[in-house]
């Protein structure tokens, strides 16, 4: 993120835990949760998709259940909550909601 000129805060403390990463840009705040998982080396695309979906759902549920975006709601900025999932070194997926 530094290469892009963005300041990212990591492991930001909130009342119910720690947000993996937060980026504030002008009138926007991005609250991010990252999940890493492994699957068998020869997993088919359907198995990978199911694992991605589970990890993304878990990450978004964690953001919502722990109220990670609440800290920024009164700031006047639009808060985006983003979940990222990584499988090994080669696969990545994401989900974003406002």
Protein backbone atom coordinates (compact mmCIF):
# COMPACT_ATOMS: atom_id res chain seq x y z
CA UNK A 1 0.00 0.00 0.00
CA UNK A 2 2.92 2.31 0.66
CA UNK A 3 3.96 2.02 -2.99
CA UNK A 4 0.51 3.31 -3.92
CA UNK A 5 0.92 6.23 -1.52
CA UNK A 6 -1.67 4.91 0.92
CA UNK A 7 -1.30 4.86 4.68
CA UNK A 8 -2.58 1.60 6.10
CA UNK A 9 -3.05 1.00 9.81
CA UNK A 10 -2.80 -2.66 10.81
CA UNK A 11 -4.13 -4.53 13.83
CA UNK A 12 -6.33 -1.55 14.78
CA UNK A 13 -7.88 -2.05 18.22
CA UNK A 14 -11.65 -1.78 18.55
CA UNK A 15 -13.85 -2.69 21.47
CA UNK A 16 -14.36 -6.32 20.38
CA UNK A 17 -11.03 -7.17 18.80
CA UNK A 18 -8.53 -6.02 16.21
CA UNK A 19 -9.19 -5.03 12.61
CA UNK A 20 -6.58 -6.55 10.29
CA UNK A 21 -6.19 -3.34 8.27
CA UNK A 22 -7.76 0.10 7.81
CA UNK A 23 -7.15 2.60 5.04
CA UNK A 24 -8.61 6.11 5.20
CA UNK A 25 -8.76 8.04 1.92
CA UNK A 26 -10.41 11.45 1.83
CA UNK A 27 -14.10 10.75 2.56
CA UNK A 28 -13.79 6.94 2.66
CA UNK A 29 -12.67 4.34 5.19
CA UNK A 30 -11.85 0.77 4.16
CA UNK A 31 -12.05 -1.78 6.99
CA UNK A 32 -10.39 -5.04 5.91
CA UNK A 33 -10.24 -8.56 7.24
CA UNK A 34 -7.89 -11.14 5.71
CA UNK A 35 -8.25 -14.92 5.83
CA UNK A 36 -5.66 -17.44 4.72
CA UNK A 37 -6.43 -21.06 3.98
CA UNK A 38 -4.90 -24.10 2.39
CA UNK A 39 -6.49 -26.66 0.15
CA UNK A 40 -5.18 -29.83 -1.46
CA UNK A 41 -2.68 -29.08 -4.26
CA UNK A 42 -4.89 -30.73 -6.88
CA UNK A 43 -8.18 -29.19 -5.72
CA UNK A 44 -10.65 -28.53 -8.50
CA UNK A 45 -12.01 -25.05 -9.12
CA UNK A 46 -15.34 -25.95 -7.44
CA UNK A 47 -13.57 -26.99 -4.23
CA UNK A 48 -11.51 -23.80 -4.28
CA UNK A 49 -14.65 -21.71 -4.85
CA UNK A 50 -16.39 -23.38 -1.88
CA UNK A 51 -13.37 -22.73 0.34
CA UNK A 52 -13.12 -19.11 -0.85
CA UNK A 53 -16.83 -18.57 -0.18
CA UNK A 54 -16.56 -20.03 3.32
CA UNK A 55 -13.51 -17.93 4.15
CA UNK A 56 -15.06 -14.74 2.74
CA UNK A 57 -18.30 -15.36 4.65
CA UNK A 58 -16.33 -15.97 7.86
CA UNK A 59 -14.29 -12.79 7.38
CA UNK A 60 -17.34 -10.62 6.63
CA UNK A 61 -19.22 -12.16 9.57
CA UNK A 62 -16.28 -11.30 11.82
CA UNK A 63 -16.27 -7.68 10.57
CA UNK A 64 -19.99 -7.34 11.23
CA UNK A 65 -20.23 -9.34 14.48
CA UNK A 66 -17.31 -7.50 16.07
CA UNK A 67 -18.47 -4.11 14.80
CA UNK A 68 -15.15 -3.27 13.16
CA UNK A 69 -16.68 -0.43 11.12
CA UNK A 70 -18.51 1.13 14.08
CA UNK A 71 -15.44 3.10 15.16
CA UNK A 72 -15.61 5.10 11.91
CA UNK A 73 -19.38 5.56 11.52
CA UNK A 74 -19.48 9.01 13.14
CA UNK A 75 -16.58 10.33 11.07
CA UNK A 76 -18.75 11.54 8.20
CA UNK A 77 -16.86 9.20 5.89
CA UNK A 78 -18.34 6.33 3.90
CA UNK A 79 -17.26 3.06 5.50
CA UNK A 80 -16.53 0.09 3.26
CA UNK A 81 -16.02 -3.34 4.77
CA UNK A 82 -13.89 -5.72 2.72
CA UNK A 83 -13.08 -9.39 3.20
CA UNK A 84 -10.11 -10.99 1.46
CA UNK A 85 -9.32 -14.68 1.14
CA UNK A 86 -6.05 -16.24 0.10
CA UNK A 87 -5.44 -19.88 -0.77
CA UNK A 88 -1.77 -20.69 -0.71
CA UNK A 89 0.32 -18.32 -2.79
CA UNK A 90 -1.58 -18.37 -6.06
CA UNK A 91 -5.26 -17.75 -5.43
CA UNK A 92 -7.03 -14.65 -4.07
CA UNK A 93 -10.65 -13.52 -3.89
CA UNK A 94 -12.46 -10.64 -2.22
CA UNK A 95 -15.88 -9.38 -1.17
CA UNK A 96 -16.79 -5.75 -0.44
CA UNK A 97 -19.90 -4.22 1.05
CA UNK A 98 -20.85 -0.82 2.39
